[in-house]
Amino acid sequence: MDNIDRKILSELQQDGRLSLTELATRVGMSLSPCHRRVRALEQSGAISGYRAQLDADILGLTFDAIVFVTMNSAVRETLDSFEEAVSAIPNVLQAQRLFGTPDYLLHVMAKDRQAFQQLYDDRLSTLPGVQKLSSTLVMKTIVENNPLPL
């Protein structure tokens, strides 16, 4: 990966809807070589996809929580089952395995407190291998969806 690839990635992180013509202009290339580089970045996995950023408040998802998960076992099968099950819950926006305790951090969004409580009781607390859940509410988001530092 060279500086031109980094420029392409930087521009696409800022605006994934750039036309190839505009992207080529911004990185100082002609259209065909720029298109080949974008394709190569996609094929290599450096670009893993494109998506729209949505406004959760406008869409009625106003309850934002961080849930810490402590597992009752570190057996590989239990962790795999937990990770597969948590991946299937649409309200879980992000799930990260941590070193130490707790074992996992989940970023969860719901319509309101009642919807979160139902999700917590019906889905999160029944995930495989869960010993303890602890949650805290997000008061304010300061940084979100920052581009990767290239």
Protein backbone atom coordinates (compact mmCIF):
# COMPACT_ATOMS: atom_id res chain seq x y z
CA MET A 1 0.00 0.00 0.00
CA ASP A 2 1.48 3.32 -1.05
CA ASN A 3 0.57 6.97 -0.45
CA ILE A 4 -1.90 7.04 -3.35
CA ASP A 5 -3.79 4.07 -1.88
CA ARG A 6 -3.84 5.88 1.48
CA LYS A 7 -5.22 9.02 -0.20
CA ILE A 8 -7.93 6.95 -1.90
CA LEU A 9 -8.86 5.30 1.39
CA SER A 10 -8.88 8.63 3.20
CA GLU A 11 -11.18 10.22 0.64
CA LEU A 12 -13.55 7.24 0.64
CA GLN A 13 -13.69 7.25 4.45
CA GLN A 14 -14.82 10.86 4.31
CA ASP A 15 -17.37 10.25 1.55
CA GLY A 16 -18.08 6.72 0.37
CA ARG A 17 -20.43 8.05 -2.32
CA LEU A 18 -17.73 9.85 -4.28
CA SER A 19 -17.91 9.11 -7.97
CA LEU A 20 -14.79 7.52 -9.41
CA THR A 21 -14.28 10.67 -11.48
CA GLU A 22 -14.33 12.90 -8.38
CA LEU A 23 -12.14 10.48 -6.44
CA ALA A 24 -9.58 10.38 -9.25
CA THR A 25 -9.51 14.19 -9.35
CA ARG A 26 -9.04 14.45 -5.57
CA VAL A 27 -6.13 12.02 -5.52
CA GLY A 28 -4.54 13.40 -8.72
CA MET A 29 -5.01 10.39 -10.98
CA SER A 30 -6.76 9.60 -14.21
CA LEU A 31 -9.98 7.59 -14.04
CA SER A 32 -8.81 4.13 -15.17
CA PRO A 33 -5.81 3.76 -12.83
CA CYS A 34 -7.90 5.09 -9.94
CA HIS A 35 -10.63 2.55 -10.68
CA ARG A 36 -8.06 -0.28 -10.78
CA ARG A 37 -6.67 0.79 -7.41
CA VAL A 38 -10.13 0.97 -5.82
CA ARG A 39 -10.90 -2.51 -7.15
CA ALA A 40 -7.60 -3.83 -5.80
CA LEU A 41 -8.31 -2.26 -2.38
CA GLU A 42 -11.75 -3.89 -2.36
CA GLN A 43 -10.36 -7.29 -3.41
CA SER A 44 -7.60 -7.14 -0.78
CA GLY A 45 -10.17 -6.45 1.93
CA ALA A 46 -8.75 -3.02 2.79
CA ILE A 47 -12.18 -1.71 1.74
CA SER A 48 -14.65 -4.09 3.34
CA GLY A 49 -17.86 -2.36 2.24
CA TYR A 50 -19.84 0.83 1.88
CA ARG A 51 -22.83 1.97 3.93
CA ALA A 52 -24.94 4.96 4.85
CA GLN A 53 -24.55 6.56 8.28
CA LEU A 54 -27.97 6.89 9.88
CA ASP A 55 -29.17 9.19 12.65
CA ALA A 56 -30.39 7.01 15.53
CA ASP A 57 -32.37 9.83 17.17
CA ILE A 58 -34.33 10.58 14.01
CA LEU A 59 -35.04 6.86 13.64
CA GLY A 60 -36.36 6.65 17.20
CA LEU A 61 -33.45 4.74 18.72
CA THR A 62 -32.88 6.99 21.71
CA PHE A 63 -31.78 4.51 24.40
CA ASP A 64 -28.04 3.94 24.18
CA ALA A 65 -26.27 1.61 26.63
CA ILE A 66 -22.97 -0.08 27.21
CA VAL A 67 -23.31 -3.60 28.57
CA PHE A 68 -20.40 -5.39 30.22
CA VAL A 69 -20.52 -9.19 30.10
CA THR A 70 -18.69 -11.53 32.44
CA MET A 71 -18.64 -15.13 31.29
CA ASN A 72 -18.89 -18.15 33.57
CA SER A 73 -16.31 -20.04 31.52
CA ALA A 74 -13.50 -19.36 29.07
CA VAL A 75 -14.04 -22.65 27.24
CA ARG A 76 -13.69 -22.07 23.49
CA GLU A 77 -17.08 -23.67 22.66
CA THR A 78 -18.86 -21.42 25.17
CA LEU A 79 -17.19 -18.30 23.81
CA ASP A 80 -17.96 -19.32 20.23
CA SER A 81 -21.63 -19.93 21.12
CA PHE A 82 -21.85 -16.58 22.90
CA GLU A 83 -20.24 -14.70 20.01
CA GLU A 84 -22.48 -16.34 17.44
CA ALA A 85 -25.62 -15.60 19.49
CA VAL A 86 -24.70 -11.98 20.25
CA SER A 87 -23.92 -11.40 16.55
CA ALA A 88 -27.54 -12.30 15.74
CA ILE A 89 -29.03 -9.53 17.93
CA PRO A 90 -29.71 -6.47 15.73
CA ASN A 91 -29.69 -4.06 18.70
CA VAL A 92 -26.05 -4.91 19.44
CA LEU A 93 -24.16 -2.37 17.34
CA GLN A 94 -20.74 -3.43 18.51
CA ALA A 95 -19.39 -6.34 20.54
CA GLN A 96 -15.79 -6.55 21.66
CA ARG A 97 -13.95 -9.25 23.58
CA LEU A 98 -11.71 -7.73 26.24
CA PHE A 99 -8.60 -8.77 28.12
CA GLY A 100 -9.35 -9.20 31.81
CA THR A 101 -12.71 -8.62 33.45
CA PRO A 102 -15.31 -8.07 32.14
CA ASP A 103 -14.96 -10.42 29.20
CA TYR A 104 -17.05 -8.49 26.65
CA LEU A 105 -18.27 -4.97 25.99
CA LEU A 106 -21.50 -4.53 24.03
CA HIS A 107 -22.82 -1.27 22.59
CA VAL A 108 -26.59 -1.64 22.51
CA MET A 109 -29.33 0.67 21.19
CA ALA A 110 -33.06 0.42 21.71
CA LYS A 111 -36.18 2.51 21.19
CA ASP A 112 -36.60 3.36 24.88
CA ARG A 113 -35.99 2.10 28.42
CA GLN A 114 -38.79 -0.44 28.21
CA ALA A 115 -37.51 -1.87 24.93
CA PHE A 116 -34.00 -2.11 26.40
CA GLN A 117 -35.32 -3.85 29.51
CA GLN A 118 -37.12 -6.42 27.39
CA LEU A 119 -34.02 -6.97 25.25
CA TYR A 120 -31.90 -7.28 28.40
CA ASP A 121 -34.26 -9.79 30.04
CA ASP A 122 -35.21 -11.82 26.97
CA ARG A 123 -32.03 -11.88 24.90
CA LEU A 124 -28.91 -10.57 26.64
CA SER A 125 -29.37 -12.38 29.96
CA THR A 126 -30.04 -15.66 28.15
CA LEU A 127 -26.91 -15.60 25.98
CA PRO A 128 -24.79 -18.77 26.31
CA GLY A 129 -22.25 -18.75 29.13
CA VAL A 130 -23.22 -15.42 30.67
CA GLN A 131 -22.49 -15.20 34.38
CA LYS A 132 -23.11 -11.48 34.91
CA LEU A 133 -24.34 -8.46 32.97
CA SER A 134 -23.68 -4.90 34.03
CA SER A 135 -24.92 -1.92 32.07
CA THR A 136 -24.46 1.81 32.02
CA LEU A 137 -26.27 4.44 30.00
CA VAL A 138 -24.59 6.66 27.45
CA MET A 139 -25.10 10.28 28.44
CA LYS A 140 -23.57 11.87 25.36
CA THR A 141 -21.60 10.69 22.35
CA ILE A 142 -18.49 12.79 21.81
CA VAL A 143 -16.67 10.90 19.04
CA GLU A 144 -18.37 8.49 16.67
CA ASN A 145 -17.36 6.86 13.39
CA ASN A 146 -14.01 8.62 13.16
CA PRO A 147 -12.05 7.61 10.08
CA LEU A 148 -9.13 5.28 10.65
CA PRO A 149 -5.83 7.15 11.07
CA LEU A 150 -4.01 6.52 7.80
